[in-house]
Amino acid sequence: MTLFADGGMLASKPYAAGGSYINRMSDYCRHCQYNVKEKTGENACPFNYLYWDFLDRNRYLLKPNPRLALPYKNLDRMSDRQKEAFRDSSREFLAKLEQNLPV
């Protein structure tokens, strides 16, 4: 998500990651209050639903990138209901951040 800010000018793939990747590659999740295995809901890791929502919202720009074929294949297998749950959880989380509420 961070390298996507330049519109793809410098990076061939946006560096976006869900909770599972962050958990595997770091120790940030060790003491986290969220459950990295949950994808949506109150206890879900925010990086999970934010990741899938980001990919879904930016599909028209990102799906043609061959380096994102696997994530989009996985996203396309998800139900519309699950995608809506990602959108809802993302909206709620980001609204809390904007209002300086605890997340």
PDB file of N, CA and C in Angstrom:
ATOM      1  N   MET A   1       0.830  -1.180   0.000  1.00  0.00           N
ATOM      2  CA  MET A   1       0.000   0.000   0.000  1.00  0.00           C
ATOM      3  C   MET A   1       0.878   1.249   0.000  1.00  0.00           C
ATOM      4  N   THR A   2       2.011   1.188   0.653  1.00  0.00           N
ATOM      5  CA  THR A   2       2.846   2.377   0.762  1.00  0.00           C
ATOM      6  C   THR A   2       3.454   2.786  -0.564  1.00  0.00           C
ATOM      7  N   LEU A   3       3.958   1.834  -1.333  1.00  0.00           N
ATOM      8  CA  LEU A   3       4.588   2.172  -2.600  1.00  0.00           C
ATOM      9  C   LEU A   3       3.584   2.420  -3.710  1.00  0.00           C
ATOM     10  N   PHE A   4       2.321   2.275  -3.427  1.00  0.00           N
ATOM     11  CA  PHE A   4       1.288   2.537  -4.416  1.00  0.00           C
ATOM     12  C   PHE A   4       0.998   4.039  -4.517  1.00  0.00           C
ATOM     13  N   ALA A   5       1.447   4.798  -3.543  1.00  0.00           N
ATOM     14  CA  ALA A   5       1.162   6.239  -3.497  1.00  0.00           C
ATOM     15  C   ALA A   5       1.717   6.981  -4.709  1.00  0.00           C
ATOM     16  N   ASP A   6       2.758   6.461  -5.326  1.00  0.00           N
ATOM     17  CA  ASP A   6       3.340   7.137  -6.486  1.00  0.00           C
ATOM     18  C   ASP A   6       2.663   6.744  -7.790  1.00  0.00           C
ATOM     19  N   GLY A   7       1.594   5.962  -7.711  1.00  0.00           N
ATOM     20  CA  GLY A   7       0.872   5.554  -8.901  1.00  0.00           C
ATOM     21  C   GLY A   7       1.602   4.502  -9.723  1.00  0.00           C
ATOM     22  N   GLY A   8       2.552   3.834  -9.123  1.00  0.00           N
ATOM     23  CA  GLY A   8       3.280   2.783  -9.834  1.00  0.00           C
ATOM     24  C   GLY A   8       4.449   3.282 -10.654  1.00  0.00           C
ATOM     25  N   MET A   9       4.885   4.489 -10.412  1.00  0.00           N
ATOM     26  CA  MET A   9       5.976   5.061 -11.198  1.00  0.00           C
ATOM     27  C   MET A   9       7.337   4.421 -10.868  1.00  0.00           C
ATOM     28  N   LEU A  10       7.579   4.085  -9.609  1.00  0.00           N
ATOM     29  CA  LEU A  10       8.886   3.573  -9.217  1.00  0.00           C
ATOM     30  C   LEU A  10       8.904   2.084  -8.891  1.00  0.00           C
ATOM     31  N   ALA A  11       7.789   1.554  -8.531  1.00  0.00           N
ATOM     32  CA  ALA A  11       7.755   0.141  -8.139  1.00  0.00           C
ATOM     33  C   ALA A  11       6.826  -0.623  -9.072  1.00  0.00           C
ATOM     34  N   SER A  12       7.214  -1.848  -9.400  1.00  0.00           N
ATOM     35  CA  SER A  12       6.386  -2.632 -10.304  1.00  0.00           C
ATOM     36  C   SER A  12       5.244  -3.329  -9.570  1.00  0.00           C
ATOM     37  N   LYS A  13       5.313  -3.328  -8.246  1.00  0.00           N
ATOM     38  CA  LYS A  13       4.279  -3.986  -7.453  1.00  0.00           C
ATOM     39  C   LYS A  13       4.128  -3.198  -6.150  1.00  0.00           C
ATOM     40  N   PRO A  14       2.911  -2.871  -5.771  1.00  0.00           N
ATOM     41  CA  PRO A  14       2.756  -2.162  -4.490  1.00  0.00           C
ATOM     42  C   PRO A  14       3.136  -3.096  -3.348  1.00  0.00           C
ATOM     43  N   TYR A  15       3.818  -2.579  -2.379  1.00  0.00           N
ATOM     44  CA  TYR A  15       4.201  -3.393  -1.236  1.00  0.00           C
ATOM     45  C   TYR A  15       3.041  -3.388  -0.255  1.00  0.00           C
ATOM     46  N   ALA A  16       2.167  -4.338  -0.419  1.00  0.00           N
ATOM     47  CA  ALA A  16       1.000  -4.490   0.439  1.00  0.00           C
ATOM     48  C   ALA A  16       1.058  -5.872   1.068  1.00  0.00           C
ATOM     49  N   ALA A  17       0.647  -5.959   2.321  1.00  0.00           N
ATOM     50  CA  ALA A  17       0.711  -7.248   3.002  1.00  0.00           C
ATOM     51  C   ALA A  17      -0.432  -7.389   3.986  1.00  0.00           C
ATOM     52  N   GLY A  18      -0.895  -8.612   4.115  1.00  0.00           N
ATOM     53  CA  GLY A  18      -1.897  -8.936   5.117  1.00  0.00           C
ATOM     54  C   GLY A  18      -1.226  -9.362   6.413  1.00  0.00           C
ATOM     55  N   GLY A  19      -2.044  -9.649   7.397  1.00  0.00           N
ATOM     56  CA  GLY A  19      -1.551 -10.009   8.709  1.00  0.00           C
ATOM     57  C   GLY A  19      -0.686 -11.259   8.728  1.00  0.00           C
ATOM     58  N   SER A  20      -1.023 -12.254   7.932  1.00  0.00           N
ATOM     59  CA  SER A  20      -0.254 -13.500   7.927  1.00  0.00           C
ATOM     60  C   SER A  20       1.189 -13.264   7.494  1.00  0.00           C
ATOM     61  N   TYR A  21       1.374 -12.436   6.483  1.00  0.00           N
ATOM     62  CA  TYR A  21       2.721 -12.140   6.001  1.00  0.00           C
ATOM     63  C   TYR A  21       3.504 -11.375   7.072  1.00  0.00           C
ATOM     64  N   ILE A  22       2.873 -10.389   7.667  1.00  0.00           N
ATOM     65  CA  ILE A  22       3.535  -9.600   8.706  1.00  0.00           C
ATOM     66  C   ILE A  22       3.911 -10.502   9.884  1.00  0.00           C
ATOM     67  N   ASN A  23       3.015 -11.399  10.235  1.00  0.00           N
ATOM     68  CA  ASN A  23       3.274 -12.323  11.339  1.00  0.00           C
ATOM     69  C   ASN A  23       4.447 -13.245  11.032  1.00  0.00           C
ATOM     70  N   ARG A  24       4.513 -13.738   9.792  1.00  0.00           N
ATOM     71  CA  ARG A  24       5.594 -14.632   9.384  1.00  0.00           C
ATOM     72  C   ARG A  24       6.948 -13.928   9.328  1.00  0.00           C
ATOM     73  N   MET A  25       6.943 -12.691   8.887  1.00  0.00           N
ATOM     74  CA  MET A  25       8.195 -11.996   8.600  1.00  0.00           C
ATOM     75  C   MET A  25       8.697 -11.096   9.731  1.00  0.00           C
ATOM     76  N   SER A  26       7.943 -11.007  10.815  1.00  0.00           N
ATOM     77  CA  SER A  26       8.357 -10.124  11.905  1.00  0.00           C
ATOM     78  C   SER A  26       7.868 -10.678  13.239  1.00  0.00           C
ATOM     79  N   ASP A  27       8.155  -9.931  14.288  1.00  0.00           N
ATOM     80  CA  ASP A  27       7.637 -10.309  15.600  1.00  0.00           C
ATOM     81  C   ASP A  27       6.616  -9.280  16.099  1.00  0.00           C
ATOM     82  N   TYR A  28       6.107  -8.450  15.208  1.00  0.00           N
ATOM     83  CA  TYR A  28       5.147  -7.410  15.599  1.00  0.00           C
ATOM     84  C   TYR A  28       3.835  -7.990  16.141  1.00  0.00           C
ATOM     85  N   CYS A  29       3.482  -9.166  15.703  1.00  0.00           N
ATOM     86  CA  CYS A  29       2.186  -9.745  16.093  1.00  0.00           C
ATOM     87  C   CYS A  29       2.224 -10.465  17.435  1.00  0.00           C
ATOM     88  N   ARG A  30       3.386 -10.661  17.961  1.00  0.00           N
ATOM     89  CA  ARG A  30       3.549 -11.479  19.161  1.00  0.00           C
ATOM     90  C   ARG A  30       2.650 -11.037  20.320  1.00  0.00           C
ATOM     91  N   HIS A  31       2.578  -9.762  20.576  1.00  0.00           N
ATOM     92  CA  HIS A  31       1.795  -9.260  21.706  1.00  0.00           C
ATOM     93  C   HIS A  31       0.592  -8.438  21.261  1.00  0.00           C
ATOM     94  N   CYS A  32       0.194  -8.593  20.043  1.00  0.00           N
ATOM     95  CA  CYS A  32      -0.916  -7.807  19.494  1.00  0.00           C
ATOM     96  C   CYS A  32      -2.251  -8.298  20.053  1.00  0.00           C
ATOM     97  N   GLN A  33      -3.169  -7.349  20.218  1.00  0.00           N
ATOM     98  CA  GLN A  33      -4.501  -7.689  20.732  1.00  0.00           C
ATOM     99  C   GLN A  33      -5.376  -8.361  19.686  1.00  0.00           C
ATOM    100  N   TYR A  34      -5.002  -8.244  18.416  1.00  0.00           N
ATOM    101  CA  TYR A  34      -5.813  -8.794  17.337  1.00  0.00           C
ATOM    102  C   TYR A  34      -5.399 -10.226  17.001  1.00  0.00           C
ATOM    103  N   ASN A  35      -6.324 -10.975  16.422  1.00  0.00           N
ATOM    104  CA  ASN A  35      -6.068 -12.346  16.006  1.00  0.00           C
ATOM    105  C   ASN A  35      -5.713 -12.354  14.518  1.00  0.00           C
ATOM    106  N   VAL A  36      -4.489 -12.685  14.208  1.00  0.00           N
ATOM    107  CA  VAL A  36      -4.009 -12.647  12.828  1.00  0.00           C
ATOM    108  C   VAL A  36      -4.724 -13.678  11.946  1.00  0.00           C
ATOM    109  N   LYS A  37      -5.334 -14.679  12.547  1.00  0.00           N
ATOM    110  CA  LYS A  37      -6.030 -15.709  11.773  1.00  0.00           C
ATOM    111  C   LYS A  37      -7.446 -15.299  11.392  1.00  0.00           C
ATOM    112  N   GLU A  38      -7.984 -14.281  12.039  1.00  0.00           N
ATOM    113  CA  GLU A  38      -9.330 -13.814  11.699  1.00  0.00           C
ATOM    114  C   GLU A  38      -9.231 -12.759  10.609  1.00  0.00           C
ATOM    115  N   LYS A  39     -10.131 -12.845   9.630  1.00  0.00           N
ATOM    116  CA  LYS A  39     -10.079 -11.955   8.469  1.00  0.00           C
ATOM    117  C   LYS A  39     -10.979 -10.724   8.600  1.00  0.00           C
ATOM    118  N   THR A  40     -12.069 -10.855   9.323  1.00  0.00           N
ATOM    119  CA  THR A  40     -12.978  -9.731   9.540  1.00  0.00           C
ATOM    120  C   THR A  40     -13.529  -9.821  10.962  1.00  0.00           C
ATOM    121  N   GLY A  41     -14.118  -8.734  11.388  1.00  0.00           N
ATOM    122  CA  GLY A  41     -14.736  -8.716  12.702  1.00  0.00           C
ATOM    123  C   GLY A  41     -13.917  -7.962  13.728  1.00  0.00           C
ATOM    124  N   GLU A  42     -14.462  -7.881  14.924  1.00  0.00           N
ATOM    125  CA  GLU A  42     -13.879  -7.102  16.006  1.00  0.00           C
ATOM    126  C   GLU A  42     -12.467  -7.529  16.384  1.00  0.00           C
ATOM    127  N   ASN A  43     -12.209  -8.827  16.401  1.00  0.00           N
ATOM    128  CA  ASN A  43     -10.907  -9.336  16.841  1.00  0.00           C
ATOM    129  C   ASN A  43      -9.931  -9.601  15.704  1.00  0.00           C
ATOM    130  N   ALA A  44     -10.361  -9.369  14.478  1.00  0.00           N
ATOM    131  CA  ALA A  44      -9.521  -9.661  13.313  1.00  0.00           C
ATOM    132  C   ALA A  44      -8.364  -8.673  13.204  1.00  0.00           C
ATOM    133  N   CYS A  45      -7.262  -9.164  12.688  1.00  0.00           N
ATOM    134  CA  CYS A  45      -6.120  -8.297  12.413  1.00  0.00           C
ATOM    135  C   CYS A  45      -6.530  -7.284  11.343  1.00  0.00           C
ATOM    136  N   PRO A  46      -6.405  -5.986  11.630  1.00  0.00           N
ATOM    137  CA  PRO A  46      -6.797  -4.982  10.635  1.00  0.00           C
ATOM    138  C   PRO A  46      -6.051  -5.098   9.315  1.00  0.00           C
ATOM    139  N   PHE A  47      -4.815  -5.585   9.356  1.00  0.00           N
ATOM    140  CA  PHE A  47      -4.067  -5.712   8.104  1.00  0.00           C
ATOM    141  C   PHE A  47      -4.716  -6.715   7.160  1.00  0.00           C
ATOM    142  N   ASN A  48      -5.466  -7.669   7.673  1.00  0.00           N
ATOM    143  CA  ASN A  48      -6.136  -8.647   6.810  1.00  0.00           C
ATOM    144  C   ASN A  48      -7.213  -7.976   5.969  1.00  0.00           C
ATOM    145  N   TYR A  49      -8.174  -7.343   6.610  1.00  0.00           N
ATOM    146  CA  TYR A  49      -9.260  -6.752   5.820  1.00  0.00           C
ATOM    147  C   TYR A  49      -8.814  -5.508   5.068  1.00  0.00           C
ATOM    148  N   LEU A  50      -7.848  -4.754   5.618  1.00  0.00           N
ATOM    149  CA  LEU A  50      -7.348  -3.588   4.882  1.00  0.00           C
ATOM    150  C   LEU A  50      -6.633  -4.022   3.602  1.00  0.00           C
ATOM    151  N   TYR A  51      -5.896  -5.118   3.647  1.00  0.00           N
ATOM    152  CA  TYR A  51      -5.190  -5.641   2.478  1.00  0.00           C
ATOM    153  C   TYR A  51      -6.172  -6.021   1.369  1.00  0.00           C
ATOM    154  N   TRP A  52      -7.162  -6.854   1.712  1.00  0.00           N
ATOM    155  CA  TRP A  52      -8.098  -7.317   0.685  1.00  0.00           C
ATOM    156  C   TRP A  52      -8.958  -6.176   0.165  1.00  0.00           C
ATOM    157  N   ASP A  53      -9.321  -5.254   1.027  1.00  0.00           N
ATOM    158  CA  ASP A  53     -10.092  -4.098   0.584  1.00  0.00           C
ATOM    159  C   ASP A  53      -9.262  -3.224  -0.369  1.00  0.00           C
ATOM    160  N   PHE A  54      -7.990  -3.028  -0.049  1.00  0.00           N
ATOM    161  CA  PHE A  54      -7.086  -2.257  -0.902  1.00  0.00           C
ATOM    162  C   PHE A  54      -6.996  -2.875  -2.299  1.00  0.00           C
ATOM    163  N   LEU A  55      -6.790  -4.191  -2.343  1.00  0.00           N
ATOM    164  CA  LEU A  55      -6.705  -4.863  -3.643  1.00  0.00           C
ATOM    165  C   LEU A  55      -8.015  -4.744  -4.414  1.00  0.00           C
ATOM    166  N   ASP A  56      -9.122  -4.918  -3.725  1.00  0.00           N
ATOM    167  CA  ASP A  56     -10.428  -4.852  -4.386  1.00  0.00           C
ATOM    168  C   ASP A  56     -10.713  -3.443  -4.915  1.00  0.00           C
ATOM    169  N   ARG A  57     -10.437  -2.423  -4.113  1.00  0.00           N
ATOM    170  CA  ARG A  57     -10.696  -1.043  -4.531  1.00  0.00           C
ATOM    171  C   ARG A  57      -9.812  -0.606  -5.690  1.00  0.00           C
ATOM    172  N   ASN A  58      -8.619  -1.155  -5.791  1.00  0.00           N
ATOM    173  CA  ASN A  58      -7.666  -0.739  -6.817  1.00  0.00           C
ATOM    174  C   ASN A  58      -7.490  -1.768  -7.919  1.00  0.00           C
ATOM    175  N   ARG A  59      -8.481  -2.615  -8.057  1.00  0.00           N
ATOM    176  CA  ARG A  59      -8.448  -3.704  -9.034  1.00  0.00           C
ATOM    177  C   ARG A  59      -8.134  -3.199 -10.447  1.00  0.00           C
ATOM    178  N   TYR A  60      -8.781  -2.163 -10.891  1.00  0.00           N
ATOM    179  CA  TYR A  60      -8.607  -1.692 -12.273  1.00  0.00           C
ATOM    180  C   TYR A  60      -7.174  -1.274 -12.564  1.00  0.00           C
ATOM    181  N   LEU A  61      -6.435  -0.827 -11.546  1.00  0.00           N
ATOM    182  CA  LEU A  61      -5.041  -0.441 -11.744  1.00  0.00           C
ATOM    183  C   LEU A  61      -4.066  -1.594 -11.522  1.00  0.00           C
ATOM    184  N   LEU A  62      -4.392  -2.467 -10.583  1.00  0.00           N
ATOM    185  CA  LEU A  62      -3.420  -3.455 -10.142  1.00  0.00           C
ATOM    186  C   LEU A  62      -3.560  -4.840 -10.777  1.00  0.00           C
ATOM    187  N   LYS A  63      -4.762  -5.239 -11.132  1.00  0.00           N
ATOM    188  CA  LYS A  63      -4.961  -6.601 -11.628  1.00  0.00           C
ATOM    189  C   LYS A  63      -4.151  -6.913 -12.890  1.00  0.00           C
ATOM    190  N   PRO A  64      -3.935  -5.968 -13.795  1.00  0.00           N
ATOM    191  CA  PRO A  64      -3.116  -6.281 -14.974  1.00  0.00           C
ATOM    192  C   PRO A  64      -1.658  -6.616 -14.645  1.00  0.00           C
ATOM    193  N   ASN A  65      -1.176  -6.274 -13.460  1.00  0.00           N
ATOM    194  CA  ASN A  65       0.200  -6.546 -13.080  1.00  0.00           C
ATOM    195  C   ASN A  65       0.373  -8.053 -12.859  1.00  0.00           C
ATOM    196  N   PRO A  66       1.219  -8.715 -13.645  1.00  0.00           N
ATOM    197  CA  PRO A  66       1.387 -10.161 -13.510  1.00  0.00           C
ATOM    198  C   PRO A  66       1.904 -10.586 -12.131  1.00  0.00           C
ATOM    199  N   ARG A  67       2.571  -9.696 -11.420  1.00  0.00           N
ATOM    200  CA  ARG A  67       3.089 -10.032 -10.089  1.00  0.00           C
ATOM    201  C   ARG A  67       1.974 -10.123  -9.055  1.00  0.00           C
ATOM    202  N   LEU A  68       0.784  -9.685  -9.421  1.00  0.00           N
ATOM    203  CA  LEU A  68      -0.358  -9.744  -8.495  1.00  0.00           C
ATOM    204  C   LEU A  68      -1.389 -10.786  -8.926  1.00  0.00           C
ATOM    205  N   ALA A  69      -1.007 -11.658  -9.822  1.00  0.00           N
ATOM    206  CA  ALA A  69      -1.949 -12.669 -10.322  1.00  0.00           C
ATOM    207  C   ALA A  69      -2.487 -13.562  -9.200  1.00  0.00           C
ATOM    208  N   LEU A  70      -1.609 -14.039  -8.325  1.00  0.00           N
ATOM    209  CA  LEU A  70      -2.049 -14.942  -7.256  1.00  0.00           C
ATOM    210  C   LEU A  70      -2.995 -14.261  -6.260  1.00  0.00           C
ATOM    211  N   PRO A  71      -2.661 -13.077  -5.752  1.00  0.00           N
ATOM    212  CA  PRO A  71      -3.621 -12.433  -4.844  1.00  0.00           C
ATOM    213  C   PRO A  71      -4.979 -12.188  -5.500  1.00  0.00           C
ATOM    214  N   TYR A  72      -4.984 -11.807  -6.768  1.00  0.00           N
ATOM    215  CA  TYR A  72      -6.269 -11.567  -7.429  1.00  0.00           C
ATOM    216  C   TYR A  72      -7.013 -12.872  -7.717  1.00  0.00           C
ATOM    217  N   LYS A  73      -6.289 -13.933  -7.947  1.00  0.00           N
ATOM    218  CA  LYS A  73      -6.939 -15.238  -8.102  1.00  0.00           C
ATOM    219  C   LYS A  73      -7.645 -15.610  -6.799  1.00  0.00           C
ATOM    220  N   ASN A  74      -6.976 -15.382  -5.672  1.00  0.00           N
ATOM    221  CA  ASN A  74      -7.582 -15.657  -4.368  1.00  0.00           C
ATOM    222  C   ASN A  74      -8.764 -14.733  -4.097  1.00  0.00           C
ATOM    223  N   LEU A  75      -8.621 -13.474  -4.424  1.00  0.00           N
ATOM    224  CA  LEU A  75      -9.714 -12.517  -4.220  1.00  0.00           C
ATOM    225  C   LEU A  75     -10.922 -12.883  -5.075  1.00  0.00           C
ATOM    226  N   ASP A  76     -10.683 -13.304  -6.297  1.00  0.00           N
ATOM    227  CA  ASP A  76     -11.783 -13.659  -7.193  1.00  0.00           C
ATOM    228  C   ASP A  76     -12.539 -14.902  -6.733  1.00  0.00           C
ATOM    229  N   ARG A  77     -11.889 -15.737  -5.942  1.00  0.00           N
ATOM    230  CA  ARG A  77     -12.564 -16.924  -5.404  1.00  0.00           C
ATOM    231  C   ARG A  77     -13.437 -16.603  -4.188  1.00  0.00           C
ATOM    232  N   MET A  78     -13.249 -15.425  -3.623  1.00  0.00           N
ATOM    233  CA  MET A  78     -14.026 -15.056  -2.433  1.00  0.00           C
ATOM    234  C   MET A  78     -15.446 -14.659  -2.826  1.00  0.00           C
ATOM    235  N   SER A  79     -16.359 -14.880  -1.914  1.00  0.00           N
ATOM    236  CA  SER A  79     -17.756 -14.522  -2.169  1.00  0.00           C
ATOM    237  C   SER A  79     -17.943 -13.008  -2.072  1.00  0.00           C
ATOM    238  N   ASP A  80     -19.002 -12.534  -2.701  1.00  0.00           N
ATOM    239  CA  ASP A  80     -19.331 -11.108  -2.603  1.00  0.00           C
ATOM    240  C   ASP A  80     -19.583 -10.722  -1.152  1.00  0.00           C
ATOM    241  N   ARG A  81     -20.143 -11.644  -0.405  1.00  0.00           N
ATOM    242  CA  ARG A  81     -20.416 -11.393   1.021  1.00  0.00           C
ATOM    243  C   ARG A  81     -19.114 -11.161   1.798  1.00  0.00           C
ATOM    244  N   GLN A  82     -18.096 -11.967   1.506  1.00  0.00           N
ATOM    245  CA  GLN A  82     -16.824 -11.798   2.193  1.00  0.00           C
ATOM    246  C   GLN A  82     -16.153 -10.485   1.790  1.00  0.00           C
ATOM    247  N   LYS A  83     -16.225 -10.139   0.527  1.00  0.00           N
ATOM    248  CA  LYS A  83     -15.642  -8.875   0.067  1.00  0.00           C
ATOM    249  C   LYS A  83     -16.348  -7.692   0.730  1.00  0.00           C
ATOM    250  N   GLU A  84     -17.650  -7.791   0.885  1.00  0.00           N
ATOM    251  CA  GLU A  84     -18.401  -6.735   1.562  1.00  0.00           C
ATOM    252  C   GLU A  84     -17.983  -6.643   3.030  1.00  0.00           C
ATOM    253  N   ALA A  85     -17.727  -7.780   3.654  1.00  0.00           N
ATOM    254  CA  ALA A  85     -17.260  -7.778   5.048  1.00  0.00           C
ATOM    255  C   ALA A  85     -15.902  -7.077   5.152  1.00  0.00           C
ATOM    256  N   PHE A  86     -15.020  -7.293   4.174  1.00  0.00           N
ATOM    257  CA  PHE A  86     -13.735  -6.581   4.158  1.00  0.00           C
ATOM    258  C   PHE A  86     -13.959  -5.082   4.049  1.00  0.00           C
ATOM    259  N   ARG A  87     -14.845  -4.684   3.149  1.00  0.00           N
ATOM    260  CA  ARG A  87     -15.131  -3.257   2.973  1.00  0.00           C
ATOM    261  C   ARG A  87     -15.704  -2.648   4.247  1.00  0.00           C
ATOM    262  N   ASP A  88     -16.653  -3.341   4.863  1.00  0.00           N
ATOM    263  CA  ASP A  88     -17.277  -2.831   6.086  1.00  0.00           C
ATOM    264  C   ASP A  88     -16.256  -2.698   7.216  1.00  0.00           C
ATOM    265  N   SER A  89     -15.456  -3.732   7.416  1.00  0.00           N
ATOM    266  CA  SER A  89     -14.454  -3.690   8.487  1.00  0.00           C
ATOM    267  C   SER A  89     -13.432  -2.585   8.227  1.00  0.00           C
ATOM    268  N   SER A  90     -13.030  -2.416   6.980  1.00  0.00           N
ATOM    269  CA  SER A  90     -12.074  -1.358   6.627  1.00  0.00           C
ATOM    270  C   SER A  90     -12.655   0.021   6.889  1.00  0.00           C
ATOM    271  N   ARG A  91     -13.899   0.234   6.471  1.00  0.00           N
ATOM    272  CA  ARG A  91     -14.545   1.536   6.700  1.00  0.00           C
ATOM    273  C   ARG A  91     -14.631   1.855   8.183  1.00  0.00           C
ATOM    274  N   GLU A  92     -15.042   0.875   8.982  1.00  0.00           N
ATOM    275  CA  GLU A  92     -15.159   1.086  10.429  1.00  0.00           C
ATOM    276  C   GLU A  92     -13.798   1.411  11.053  1.00  0.00           C
ATOM    277  N   PHE A  93     -12.792   0.659  10.682  1.00  0.00           N
ATOM    278  CA  PHE A  93     -11.454   0.861  11.233  1.00  0.00           C
ATOM    279  C   PHE A  93     -10.917   2.247  10.855  1.00  0.00           C
ATOM    280  N   LEU A  94     -11.012   2.597   9.580  1.00  0.00           N
ATOM    281  CA  LEU A  94     -10.482   3.888   9.119  1.00  0.00           C
ATOM    282  C   LEU A  94     -11.273   5.058   9.693  1.00  0.00           C
ATOM    283  N   ALA A  95     -12.574   4.885   9.892  1.00  0.00           N
ATOM    284  CA  ALA A  95     -13.387   5.942  10.509  1.00  0.00           C
ATOM    285  C   ALA A  95     -12.929   6.189  11.939  1.00  0.00           C
ATOM    286  N   LYS A  96     -12.610   5.119  12.655  1.00  0.00           N
ATOM    287  CA  LYS A  96     -12.098   5.274  14.026  1.00  0.00           C
ATOM    288  C   LYS A  96     -10.774   6.033  14.022  1.00  0.00           C
ATOM    289  N   LEU A  97      -9.908   5.717  13.079  1.00  0.00           N
ATOM    290  CA  LEU A  97      -8.629   6.424  12.998  1.00  0.00           C
ATOM    291  C   LEU A  97      -8.848   7.911  12.733  1.00  0.00           C
ATOM    292  N   GLU A  98      -9.739   8.229  11.819  1.00  0.00           N
ATOM    293  CA  GLU A  98     -10.020   9.627  11.476  1.00  0.00           C
ATOM    294  C   GLU A  98     -10.582  10.401  12.656  1.00  0.00           C
ATOM    295  N   GLN A  99     -11.313   9.719  13.512  1.00  0.00           N
ATOM    296  CA  GLN A  99     -11.936  10.368  14.668  1.00  0.00           C
ATOM    297  C   GLN A  99     -11.061  10.264  15.918  1.00  0.00           C
ATOM    298  N   ASN A 100      -9.854   9.761  15.757  1.00  0.00           N
ATOM    299  CA  ASN A 100      -8.915   9.576  16.870  1.00  0.00           C
ATOM    300  C   ASN A 100      -9.501   8.716  17.981  1.00  0.00           C
ATOM    301  N   LEU A 101     -10.272   7.712  17.602  1.00  0.00           N
ATOM    302  CA  LEU A 101     -10.838   6.766  18.560  1.00  0.00           C
ATOM    303  C   LEU A 101      -9.914   5.570  18.686  1.00  0.00           C
ATOM    304  N   PRO A 102      -9.955   4.863  19.809  1.00  0.00           N
ATOM    305  CA  PRO A 102      -9.119   3.664  19.941  1.00  0.00           C
ATOM    306  C   PRO A 102      -9.543   2.596  18.931  1.00  0.00           C
ATOM    307  N   VAL A 103      -8.550   1.910  18.398  1.00  0.00           N
ATOM    308  CA  VAL A 103      -8.829   0.839  17.430  1.00  0.00           C
ATOM    309  C   VAL A 103      -8.468  -0.512  17.989  1.00  0.00           C
TER     310      VAL A 103
END
